[in-house]
């Protein structure tokens, strides 16, 4: 399974990067390819290319704010392949979040 996503929180510091790390760790432990873009205090890092989004089986948006480039995910949204959650949900129970993503 190939998963891409974006993490972002209002302060753009701790939760953004902690959520990225949790998603990457859980996905890798399940043997998935994963790439997570962060939109934090340092700006956009690890930016997703459109072809990476198009090739993904699922998208996770762990965001608590509006993010730049959200329109990139519209086709996946129309396909029912986008899960939007709060970064805090990822930190509380990443296993359940990725379980939800698998069912999409």
PDB file of N, CA and C in Angstrom:
ATOM      1  N   UNK A   1       0.853  -1.175   0.000  1.00  0.00           N
ATOM      2  CA  UNK A   1       0.000   0.000   0.000  1.00  0.00           C
ATOM      3  C   UNK A   1       0.895   1.233   0.000  1.00  0.00           C
ATOM      4  N   UNK A   2       0.498   2.227  -0.768  1.00  0.00           N
ATOM      5  CA  UNK A   2       1.243   3.484  -0.822  1.00  0.00           C
ATOM      6  C   UNK A   2       0.370   4.581  -0.215  1.00  0.00           C
ATOM      7  N   UNK A   3       0.917   5.257   0.773  1.00  0.00           N
ATOM      8  CA  UNK A   3       0.187   6.301   1.489  1.00  0.00           C
ATOM      9  C   UNK A   3       0.968   7.604   1.420  1.00  0.00           C
ATOM     10  N   UNK A   4       0.246   8.684   1.147  1.00  0.00           N
ATOM     11  CA  UNK A   4       0.812  10.027   1.216  1.00  0.00           C
ATOM     12  C   UNK A   4      -0.078  10.865   2.123  1.00  0.00           C
ATOM     13  N   UNK A   5       0.448  11.989   2.570  1.00  0.00           N
ATOM     14  CA  UNK A   5      -0.370  12.839   3.416  1.00  0.00           C
ATOM     15  C   UNK A   5       0.294  14.153   3.762  1.00  0.00           C
ATOM     16  N   UNK A   6      -0.438  14.924   4.540  1.00  0.00           N
ATOM     17  CA  UNK A   6       0.028  16.228   5.007  1.00  0.00           C
ATOM     18  C   UNK A   6      -0.289  16.331   6.498  1.00  0.00           C
ATOM     19  N   UNK A   7       0.644  16.880   7.253  1.00  0.00           N
ATOM     20  CA  UNK A   7       0.382  17.199   8.651  1.00  0.00           C
ATOM     21  C   UNK A   7       0.560  18.703   8.841  1.00  0.00           C
ATOM     22  N   UNK A   8      -0.327  19.287   9.654  1.00  0.00           N
ATOM     23  CA  UNK A   8      -0.253  20.721   9.952  1.00  0.00           C
ATOM     24  C   UNK A   8      -1.079  21.015  11.194  1.00  0.00           C
ATOM     25  N   UNK A   9      -0.539  21.850  12.061  1.00  0.00           N
ATOM     26  CA  UNK A   9      -1.267  22.294  13.252  1.00  0.00           C
ATOM     27  C   UNK A   9      -1.165  23.817  13.344  1.00  0.00           C
ATOM     28  N   UNK A  10      -1.995  24.434  14.182  1.00  0.00           N
ATOM     29  CA  UNK A  10      -2.008  25.901  14.245  1.00  0.00           C
ATOM     30  C   UNK A  10      -0.650  26.540  14.554  1.00  0.00           C
ATOM     31  N   UNK A  11       0.093  25.974  15.481  1.00  0.00           N
ATOM     32  CA  UNK A  11       1.393  26.556  15.823  1.00  0.00           C
ATOM     33  C   UNK A  11       2.469  26.150  14.824  1.00  0.00           C
ATOM     34  N   UNK A  12       2.250  25.026  14.157  1.00  0.00           N
ATOM     35  CA  UNK A  12       3.209  24.569  13.157  1.00  0.00           C
ATOM     36  C   UNK A  12       4.516  24.069  13.741  1.00  0.00           C
ATOM     37  N   UNK A  13       4.426  23.604  14.972  1.00  0.00           N
ATOM     38  CA  UNK A  13       5.657  23.146  15.616  1.00  0.00           C
ATOM     39  C   UNK A  13       5.496  21.681  16.017  1.00  0.00           C
ATOM     40  N   UNK A  14       5.209  21.425  17.250  1.00  0.00           N
ATOM     41  CA  UNK A  14       5.270  20.064  17.792  1.00  0.00           C
ATOM     42  C   UNK A  14       4.329  19.073  17.120  1.00  0.00           C
ATOM     43  N   UNK A  15       3.034  19.344  17.131  1.00  0.00           N
ATOM     44  CA  UNK A  15       2.080  18.352  16.626  1.00  0.00           C
ATOM     45  C   UNK A  15       2.281  18.036  15.140  1.00  0.00           C
ATOM     46  N   UNK A  16       2.670  19.015  14.358  1.00  0.00           N
ATOM     47  CA  UNK A  16       2.907  18.789  12.931  1.00  0.00           C
ATOM     48  C   UNK A  16       3.953  17.695  12.736  1.00  0.00           C
ATOM     49  N   UNK A  17       5.066  17.827  13.410  1.00  0.00           N
ATOM     50  CA  UNK A  17       6.182  16.902  13.216  1.00  0.00           C
ATOM     51  C   UNK A  17       5.991  15.603  13.989  1.00  0.00           C
ATOM     52  N   UNK A  18       5.343  15.664  15.138  1.00  0.00           N
ATOM     53  CA  UNK A  18       5.057  14.443  15.888  1.00  0.00           C
ATOM     54  C   UNK A  18       4.061  13.567  15.124  1.00  0.00           C
ATOM     55  N   UNK A  19       3.070  14.194  14.498  1.00  0.00           N
ATOM     56  CA  UNK A  19       2.096  13.431  13.711  1.00  0.00           C
ATOM     57  C   UNK A  19       2.774  12.804  12.495  1.00  0.00           C
ATOM     58  N   UNK A  20       3.646  13.558  11.844  1.00  0.00           N
ATOM     59  CA  UNK A  20       4.391  13.008  10.704  1.00  0.00           C
ATOM     60  C   UNK A  20       5.163  11.763  11.130  1.00  0.00           C
ATOM     61  N   UNK A  21       5.882  11.880  12.210  1.00  0.00           N
ATOM     62  CA  UNK A  21       6.699  10.766  12.686  1.00  0.00           C
ATOM     63  C   UNK A  21       5.838   9.549  13.036  1.00  0.00           C
ATOM     64  N   UNK A  22       4.711   9.770  13.696  1.00  0.00           N
ATOM     65  CA  UNK A  22       3.831   8.659  14.085  1.00  0.00           C
ATOM     66  C   UNK A  22       3.266   7.946  12.855  1.00  0.00           C
ATOM     67  N   UNK A  23       2.830   8.714  11.867  1.00  0.00           N
ATOM     68  CA  UNK A  23       2.274   8.117  10.645  1.00  0.00           C
ATOM     69  C   UNK A  23       3.346   7.313   9.920  1.00  0.00           C
ATOM     70  N   UNK A  24       4.513   7.900   9.751  1.00  0.00           N
ATOM     71  CA  UNK A  24       5.587   7.211   9.045  1.00  0.00           C
ATOM     72  C   UNK A  24       5.991   5.927   9.760  1.00  0.00           C
ATOM     73  N   UNK A  25       6.111   5.990  11.064  1.00  0.00           N
ATOM     74  CA  UNK A  25       6.529   4.820  11.840  1.00  0.00           C
ATOM     75  C   UNK A  25       5.501   3.691  11.722  1.00  0.00           C
ATOM     76  N   UNK A  26       4.225   4.020  11.883  1.00  0.00           N
ATOM     77  CA  UNK A  26       3.174   2.993  11.822  1.00  0.00           C
ATOM     78  C   UNK A  26       3.071   2.402  10.419  1.00  0.00           C
ATOM     79  N   UNK A  27       3.127   3.243   9.398  1.00  0.00           N
ATOM     80  CA  UNK A  27       3.042   2.743   8.021  1.00  0.00           C
ATOM     81  C   UNK A  27       4.224   1.849   7.682  1.00  0.00           C
ATOM     82  N   UNK A  28       5.411   2.252   8.079  1.00  0.00           N
ATOM     83  CA  UNK A  28       6.595   1.445   7.797  1.00  0.00           C
ATOM     84  C   UNK A  28       6.535   0.111   8.534  1.00  0.00           C
ATOM     85  N   UNK A  29       5.976   0.112   9.753  1.00  0.00           N
ATOM     86  CA  UNK A  29       5.873  -1.143  10.505  1.00  0.00           C
ATOM     87  C   UNK A  29       4.905  -2.115   9.821  1.00  0.00           C
ATOM     88  N   UNK A  30       3.989  -1.583   8.995  1.00  0.00           N
ATOM     89  CA  UNK A  30       3.044  -2.418   8.252  1.00  0.00           C
ATOM     90  C   UNK A  30       3.557  -2.734   6.844  1.00  0.00           C
ATOM     91  N   UNK A  31       4.740  -2.238   6.521  1.00  0.00           N
ATOM     92  CA  UNK A  31       5.337  -2.512   5.228  1.00  0.00           C
ATOM     93  C   UNK A  31       4.838  -1.629   4.103  1.00  0.00           C
ATOM     94  N   UNK A  32       4.266  -0.467   4.426  1.00  0.00           N
ATOM     95  CA  UNK A  32       3.723   0.445   3.422  1.00  0.00           C
ATOM     96  C   UNK A  32       4.762   1.467   2.988  1.00  0.00           C
ATOM     97  N   UNK A  33       4.652   1.897   1.731  1.00  0.00           N
ATOM     98  CA  UNK A  33       5.407   3.056   1.265  1.00  0.00           C
ATOM     99  C   UNK A  33       4.678   4.282   1.796  1.00  0.00           C
ATOM    100  N   UNK A  34       5.406   5.241   2.318  1.00  0.00           N
ATOM    101  CA  UNK A  34       4.760   6.418   2.906  1.00  0.00           C
ATOM    102  C   UNK A  34       5.608   7.664   2.675  1.00  0.00           C
ATOM    103  N   UNK A  35       4.919   8.752   2.388  1.00  0.00           N
ATOM    104  CA  UNK A  35       5.572  10.063   2.298  1.00  0.00           C
ATOM    105  C   UNK A  35       4.603  11.090   2.876  1.00  0.00           C
ATOM    106  N   UNK A  36       5.080  11.829   3.863  1.00  0.00           N
ATOM    107  CA  UNK A  36       4.253  12.823   4.540  1.00  0.00           C
ATOM    108  C   UNK A  36       4.883  14.209   4.388  1.00  0.00           C
ATOM    109  N   UNK A  37       4.092  15.116   3.844  1.00  0.00           N
ATOM    110  CA  UNK A  37       4.474  16.519   3.723  1.00  0.00           C
ATOM    111  C   UNK A  37       4.116  17.220   5.021  1.00  0.00           C
ATOM    112  N   UNK A  38       4.986  18.089   5.491  1.00  0.00           N
ATOM    113  CA  UNK A  38       4.658  18.901   6.668  1.00  0.00           C
ATOM    114  C   UNK A  38       4.495  20.354   6.244  1.00  0.00           C
ATOM    115  N   UNK A  39       3.515  20.992   6.843  1.00  0.00           N
ATOM    116  CA  UNK A  39       3.325  22.429   6.660  1.00  0.00           C
ATOM    117  C   UNK A  39       3.361  23.034   8.053  1.00  0.00           C
ATOM    118  N   UNK A  40       4.569  23.387   8.461  1.00  0.00           N
ATOM    119  CA  UNK A  40       4.779  23.880   9.813  1.00  0.00           C
ATOM    120  C   UNK A  40       5.436  25.235   9.833  1.00  0.00           C
ATOM    121  N   UNK A  41       6.062  25.525  10.943  1.00  0.00           N
ATOM    122  CA  UNK A  41       6.695  26.825  11.139  1.00  0.00           C
ATOM    123  C   UNK A  41       7.857  27.056  10.167  1.00  0.00           C
ATOM    124  N   UNK A  42       8.382  25.978   9.602  1.00  0.00           N
ATOM    125  CA  UNK A  42       9.485  26.073   8.648  1.00  0.00           C
ATOM    126  C   UNK A  42       8.975  26.145   7.207  1.00  0.00           C
ATOM    127  N   UNK A  43       7.655  26.261   7.042  1.00  0.00           N
ATOM    128  CA  UNK A  43       7.072  26.262   5.703  1.00  0.00           C
ATOM    129  C   UNK A  43       6.748  24.842   5.263  1.00  0.00           C
ATOM    130  N   UNK A  44       6.648  24.629   3.968  1.00  0.00           N
ATOM    131  CA  UNK A  44       6.345  23.303   3.436  1.00  0.00           C
ATOM    132  C   UNK A  44       7.644  22.525   3.296  1.00  0.00           C
ATOM    133  N   UNK A  45       7.660  21.347   3.902  1.00  0.00           N
ATOM    134  CA  UNK A  45       8.821  20.469   3.806  1.00  0.00           C
ATOM    135  C   UNK A  45       8.370  19.117   3.284  1.00  0.00           C
ATOM    136  N   UNK A  46       9.263  18.440   2.566  1.00  0.00           N
ATOM    137  CA  UNK A  46       8.970  17.114   2.018  1.00  0.00           C
ATOM    138  C   UNK A  46       7.748  17.183   1.099  1.00  0.00           C
ATOM    139  N   UNK A  47       7.690  18.238   0.287  1.00  0.00           N
ATOM    140  CA  UNK A  47       6.505  18.520  -0.531  1.00  0.00           C
ATOM    141  C   UNK A  47       6.161  17.370  -1.472  1.00  0.00           C
ATOM    142  N   UNK A  48       4.880  17.027  -1.500  1.00  0.00           N
ATOM    143  CA  UNK A  48       4.384  15.963  -2.366  1.00  0.00           C
ATOM    144  C   UNK A  48       4.242  16.451  -3.801  1.00  0.00           C
ATOM    145  N   UNK A  49       4.688  15.641  -4.730  1.00  0.00           N
ATOM    146  CA  UNK A  49       4.495  15.914  -6.147  1.00  0.00           C
ATOM    147  C   UNK A  49       3.141  15.346  -6.564  1.00  0.00           C
ATOM    148  N   UNK A  50       2.533  15.913  -7.588  1.00  0.00           N
ATOM    149  CA  UNK A  50       1.214  15.453  -8.018  1.00  0.00           C
ATOM    150  C   UNK A  50       1.238  13.978  -8.422  1.00  0.00           C
ATOM    151  N   UNK A  51       2.300  13.521  -9.064  1.00  0.00           N
ATOM    152  CA  UNK A  51       2.348  12.106  -9.458  1.00  0.00           C
ATOM    153  C   UNK A  51       2.401  11.185  -8.250  1.00  0.00           C
ATOM    154  N   UNK A  52       3.012  11.619  -7.155  1.00  0.00           N
ATOM    155  CA  UNK A  52       3.035  10.820  -5.926  1.00  0.00           C
ATOM    156  C   UNK A  52       1.628  10.699  -5.346  1.00  0.00           C
ATOM    157  N   UNK A  53       0.884  11.788  -5.396  1.00  0.00           N
ATOM    158  CA  UNK A  53      -0.498  11.782  -4.912  1.00  0.00           C
ATOM    159  C   UNK A  53      -1.350  10.885  -5.796  1.00  0.00           C
ATOM    160  N   UNK A  54      -1.196  11.017  -7.111  1.00  0.00           N
ATOM    161  CA  UNK A  54      -1.984  10.232  -8.056  1.00  0.00           C
ATOM    162  C   UNK A  54      -1.735   8.735  -7.905  1.00  0.00           C
ATOM    163  N   UNK A  55      -0.502   8.348  -7.590  1.00  0.00           N
ATOM    164  CA  UNK A  55      -0.136   6.937  -7.463  1.00  0.00           C
ATOM    165  C   UNK A  55      -0.499   6.343  -6.105  1.00  0.00           C
ATOM    166  N   UNK A  56      -0.847   7.172  -5.139  1.00  0.00           N
ATOM    167  CA  UNK A  56      -1.125   6.683  -3.784  1.00  0.00           C
ATOM    168  C   UNK A  56      -2.447   5.919  -3.719  1.00  0.00           C
ATOM    169  N   UNK A  57      -2.453   4.927  -2.842  1.00  0.00           N
ATOM    170  CA  UNK A  57      -3.678   4.167  -2.581  1.00  0.00           C
ATOM    171  C   UNK A  57      -4.602   4.933  -1.641  1.00  0.00           C
ATOM    172  N   UNK A  58      -4.019   5.755  -0.768  1.00  0.00           N
ATOM    173  CA  UNK A  58      -4.806   6.513   0.197  1.00  0.00           C
ATOM    174  C   UNK A  58      -4.033   7.757   0.630  1.00  0.00           C
ATOM    175  N   UNK A  59      -4.800   8.746   1.101  1.00  0.00           N
ATOM    176  CA  UNK A  59      -4.229  10.015   1.559  1.00  0.00           C
ATOM    177  C   UNK A  59      -4.707  10.264   2.979  1.00  0.00           C
ATOM    178  N   UNK A  60      -3.789  10.674   3.840  1.00  0.00           N
ATOM    179  CA  UNK A  60      -4.159  11.082   5.188  1.00  0.00           C
ATOM    180  C   UNK A  60      -3.824  12.563   5.354  1.00  0.00           C
ATOM    181  N   UNK A  61      -4.814  13.314   5.767  1.00  0.00           N
ATOM    182  CA  UNK A  61      -4.618  14.732   6.075  1.00  0.00           C
ATOM    183  C   UNK A  61      -4.791  14.878   7.581  1.00  0.00           C
ATOM    184  N   UNK A  62      -3.686  14.947   8.281  1.00  0.00           N
ATOM    185  CA  UNK A  62      -3.702  15.142   9.729  1.00  0.00           C
ATOM    186  C   UNK A  62      -3.498  16.633   9.957  1.00  0.00           C
ATOM    187  N   UNK A  63      -4.599  17.368   9.837  1.00  0.00           N
ATOM    188  CA  UNK A  63      -4.509  18.828   9.802  1.00  0.00           C
ATOM    189  C   UNK A  63      -5.531  19.461  10.749  1.00  0.00           C
ATOM    190  N   UNK A  64      -5.116  20.553  11.355  1.00  0.00           N
ATOM    191  CA  UNK A  64      -5.997  21.321  12.229  1.00  0.00           C
ATOM    192  C   UNK A  64      -6.193  22.728  11.686  1.00  0.00           C
ATOM    193  N   UNK A  65      -5.647  22.974  10.497  1.00  0.00           N
ATOM    194  CA  UNK A  65      -5.753  24.272   9.833  1.00  0.00           C
ATOM    195  C   UNK A  65      -5.916  24.022   8.343  1.00  0.00           C
ATOM    196  N   UNK A  66      -6.277  25.058   7.603  1.00  0.00           N
ATOM    197  CA  UNK A  66      -6.270  24.941   6.145  1.00  0.00           C
ATOM    198  C   UNK A  66      -4.825  24.866   5.684  1.00  0.00           C
ATOM    199  N   UNK A  67      -4.592  24.030   4.672  1.00  0.00           N
ATOM    200  CA  UNK A  67      -3.222  23.868   4.182  1.00  0.00           C
ATOM    201  C   UNK A  67      -3.106  24.350   2.750  1.00  0.00           C
ATOM    202  N   UNK A  68      -1.905  24.715   2.363  1.00  0.00           N
ATOM    203  CA  UNK A  68      -1.639  25.133   0.990  1.00  0.00           C
ATOM    204  C   UNK A  68      -1.722  23.919   0.073  1.00  0.00           C
ATOM    205  N   UNK A  69      -2.345  24.091  -1.060  1.00  0.00           N
ATOM    206  CA  UNK A  69      -2.380  23.036  -2.060  1.00  0.00           C
ATOM    207  C   UNK A  69      -3.358  21.919  -1.799  1.00  0.00           C
ATOM    208  N   UNK A  70      -4.371  22.181  -0.994  1.00  0.00           N
ATOM    209  CA  UNK A  70      -5.334  21.122  -0.661  1.00  0.00           C
ATOM    210  C   UNK A  70      -6.074  20.618  -1.905  1.00  0.00           C
ATOM    211  N   UNK A  71      -6.159  21.462  -2.935  1.00  0.00           N
ATOM    212  CA  UNK A  71      -6.848  21.069  -4.167  1.00  0.00           C
ATOM    213  C   UNK A  71      -6.134  19.909  -4.868  1.00  0.00           C
ATOM    214  N   UNK A  72      -4.879  19.661  -4.536  1.00  0.00           N
ATOM    215  CA  UNK A  72      -4.132  18.542  -5.133  1.00  0.00           C
ATOM    216  C   UNK A  72      -4.784  17.197  -4.823  1.00  0.00           C
ATOM    217  N   UNK A  73      -5.587  17.151  -3.767  1.00  0.00           N
ATOM    218  CA  UNK A  73      -6.168  15.900  -3.301  1.00  0.00           C
ATOM    219  C   UNK A  73      -7.616  15.703  -3.734  1.00  0.00           C
ATOM    220  N   UNK A  74      -8.151  16.619  -4.553  1.00  0.00           N
ATOM    221  CA  UNK A  74      -9.574  16.568  -4.931  1.00  0.00           C
ATOM    222  C   UNK A  74      -9.961  15.262  -5.610  1.00  0.00           C
ATOM    223  N   UNK A  75      -9.138  14.763  -6.519  1.00  0.00           N
ATOM    224  CA  UNK A  75      -9.479  13.519  -7.220  1.00  0.00           C
ATOM    225  C   UNK A  75      -9.533  12.343  -6.241  1.00  0.00           C
ATOM    226  N   UNK A  76      -8.584  12.282  -5.338  1.00  0.00           N
ATOM    227  CA  UNK A  76      -8.585  11.216  -4.321  1.00  0.00           C
ATOM    228  C   UNK A  76      -9.786  11.375  -3.391  1.00  0.00           C
ATOM    229  N   UNK A  77     -10.150  12.614  -3.098  1.00  0.00           N
ATOM    230  CA  UNK A  77     -11.329  12.879  -2.259  1.00  0.00           C
ATOM    231  C   UNK A  77     -12.579  12.344  -2.951  1.00  0.00           C
ATOM    232  N   UNK A  78     -12.709  12.611  -4.248  1.00  0.00           N
ATOM    233  CA  UNK A  78     -13.861  12.130  -5.008  1.00  0.00           C
ATOM    234  C   UNK A  78     -13.923  10.608  -5.037  1.00  0.00           C
ATOM    235  N   UNK A  79     -12.772   9.960  -4.954  1.00  0.00           N
ATOM    236  CA  UNK A  79     -12.700   8.496  -4.953  1.00  0.00           C
ATOM    237  C   UNK A  79     -12.917   7.903  -3.561  1.00  0.00           C
ATOM    238  N   UNK A  80     -13.075   8.763  -2.547  1.00  0.00           N
ATOM    239  CA  UNK A  80     -13.240   8.284  -1.174  1.00  0.00           C
ATOM    240  C   UNK A  80     -11.955   7.745  -0.579  1.00  0.00           C
ATOM    241  N   UNK A  81     -10.831   8.297  -1.015  1.00  0.00           N
ATOM    242  CA  UNK A  81      -9.520   7.801  -0.586  1.00  0.00           C
ATOM    243  C   UNK A  81      -8.768   8.784   0.307  1.00  0.00           C
ATOM    244  N   UNK A  82      -9.487   9.760   0.884  1.00  0.00           N
ATOM    245  CA  UNK A  82      -8.843  10.750   1.755  1.00  0.00           C
ATOM    246  C   UNK A  82      -9.444  10.666   3.155  1.00  0.00           C
ATOM    247  N   UNK A  83      -8.586  10.469   4.134  1.00  0.00           N
ATOM    248  CA  UNK A  83      -8.998  10.478   5.535  1.00  0.00           C
ATOM    249  C   UNK A  83      -8.462  11.759   6.169  1.00  0.00           C
ATOM    250  N   UNK A  84      -9.369  12.575   6.715  1.00  0.00           N
ATOM    251  CA  UNK A  84      -8.969  13.813   7.384  1.00  0.00           C
ATOM    252  C   UNK A  84      -9.187  13.647   8.876  1.00  0.00           C
ATOM    253  N   UNK A  85      -8.131  13.856   9.642  1.00  0.00           N
ATOM    254  CA  UNK A  85      -8.172  13.713  11.101  1.00  0.00           C
ATOM    255  C   UNK A  85      -7.395  14.858  11.738  1.00  0.00           C
ATOM    256  N   UNK A  86      -7.595  15.038  13.016  1.00  0.00           N
ATOM    257  CA  UNK A  86      -6.819  16.010  13.786  1.00  0.00           C
ATOM    258  C   UNK A  86      -5.436  15.413  14.085  1.00  0.00           C
ATOM    259  N   UNK A  87      -4.401  16.229  14.077  1.00  0.00           N
ATOM    260  CA  UNK A  87      -3.083  15.704  14.458  1.00  0.00           C
ATOM    261  C   UNK A  87      -3.103  15.039  15.833  1.00  0.00           C
ATOM    262  N   UNK A  88      -3.897  15.571  16.758  1.00  0.00           N
ATOM    263  CA  UNK A  88      -3.973  14.979  18.100  1.00  0.00           C
ATOM    264  C   UNK A  88      -4.545  13.565  18.062  1.00  0.00           C
ATOM    265  N   UNK A  89      -5.460  13.276  17.119  1.00  0.00           N
ATOM    266  CA  UNK A  89      -5.997  11.918  16.978  1.00  0.00           C
ATOM    267  C   UNK A  89      -4.902  10.947  16.563  1.00  0.00           C
ATOM    268  N   UNK A  90      -4.027  11.404  15.697  1.00  0.00           N
ATOM    269  CA  UNK A  90      -2.895  10.582  15.257  1.00  0.00           C
ATOM    270  C   UNK A  90      -2.006  10.252  16.449  1.00  0.00           C
ATOM    271  N   UNK A  91      -1.777  11.241  17.291  1.00  0.00           N
ATOM    272  CA  UNK A  91      -0.886  11.037  18.436  1.00  0.00           C
ATOM    273  C   UNK A  91      -1.528  10.171  19.512  1.00  0.00           C
ATOM    274  N   UNK A  92      -2.847  10.240  19.643  1.00  0.00           N
ATOM    275  CA  UNK A  92      -3.548   9.444  20.656  1.00  0.00           C
ATOM    276  C   UNK A  92      -3.633   7.973  20.268  1.00  0.00           C
ATOM    277  N   UNK A  93      -3.921   7.683  18.980  1.00  0.00           N
ATOM    278  CA  UNK A  93      -4.161   6.296  18.579  1.00  0.00           C
ATOM    279  C   UNK A  93      -3.866   6.099  17.096  1.00  0.00           C
ATOM    280  N   UNK A  94      -2.601   6.104  16.741  1.00  0.00           N
ATOM    281  CA  UNK A  94      -2.199   5.975  15.339  1.00  0.00           C
ATOM    282  C   UNK A  94      -2.652   4.649  14.746  1.00  0.00           C
ATOM    283  N   UNK A  95      -2.673   3.596  15.542  1.00  0.00           N
ATOM    284  CA  UNK A  95      -3.083   2.290  15.028  1.00  0.00           C
ATOM    285  C   UNK A  95      -4.502   2.341  14.471  1.00  0.00           C
ATOM    286  N   UNK A  96      -5.426   2.934  15.213  1.00  0.00           N
ATOM    287  CA  UNK A  96      -6.812   3.039  14.746  1.00  0.00           C
ATOM    288  C   UNK A  96      -6.933   3.928  13.514  1.00  0.00           C
ATOM    289  N   UNK A  97      -6.139   4.990  13.466  1.00  0.00           N
ATOM    290  CA  UNK A  97      -6.181   5.900  12.319  1.00  0.00           C
ATOM    291  C   UNK A  97      -5.745   5.159  11.052  1.00  0.00           C
ATOM    292  N   UNK A  98      -4.669   4.421  11.126  1.00  0.00           N
ATOM    293  CA  UNK A  98      -4.198   3.688   9.940  1.00  0.00           C
ATOM    294  C   UNK A  98      -5.141   2.539   9.620  1.00  0.00           C
ATOM    295  N   UNK A  99      -5.755   1.935  10.616  1.00  0.00           N
ATOM    296  CA  UNK A  99      -6.787   0.915  10.368  1.00  0.00           C
ATOM    297  C   UNK A  99      -7.934   1.512   9.549  1.00  0.00           C
ATOM    298  N   UNK A 100      -8.356   2.726   9.900  1.00  0.00           N
ATOM    299  CA  UNK A 100      -9.420   3.419   9.150  1.00  0.00           C
ATOM    300  C   UNK A 100      -8.984   3.663   7.706  1.00  0.00           C
ATOM    301  N   UNK A 101      -7.751   4.063   7.535  1.00  0.00           N
ATOM    302  CA  UNK A 101      -7.212   4.347   6.207  1.00  0.00           C
ATOM    303  C   UNK A 101      -7.208   3.081   5.347  1.00  0.00           C
ATOM    304  N   UNK A 102      -6.879   1.961   5.947  1.00  0.00           N
ATOM    305  CA  UNK A 102      -6.859   0.695   5.218  1.00  0.00           C
ATOM    306  C   UNK A 102      -8.234   0.306   4.688  1.00  0.00           C
ATOM    307  N   UNK A 103      -9.265   0.678   5.399  1.00  0.00           N
ATOM    308  CA  UNK A 103     -10.638   0.292   5.032  1.00  0.00           C
ATOM    309  C   UNK A 103     -11.220   1.160   3.920  1.00  0.00           C
ATOM    310  N   UNK A 104     -10.510   2.198   3.530  1.00  0.00           N
ATOM    311  CA  UNK A 104     -11.023   3.102   2.505  1.00  0.00           C
ATOM    312  C   UNK A 104     -10.873   2.509   1.124  1.00  0.00           C
TER     313      UNK A 104
END
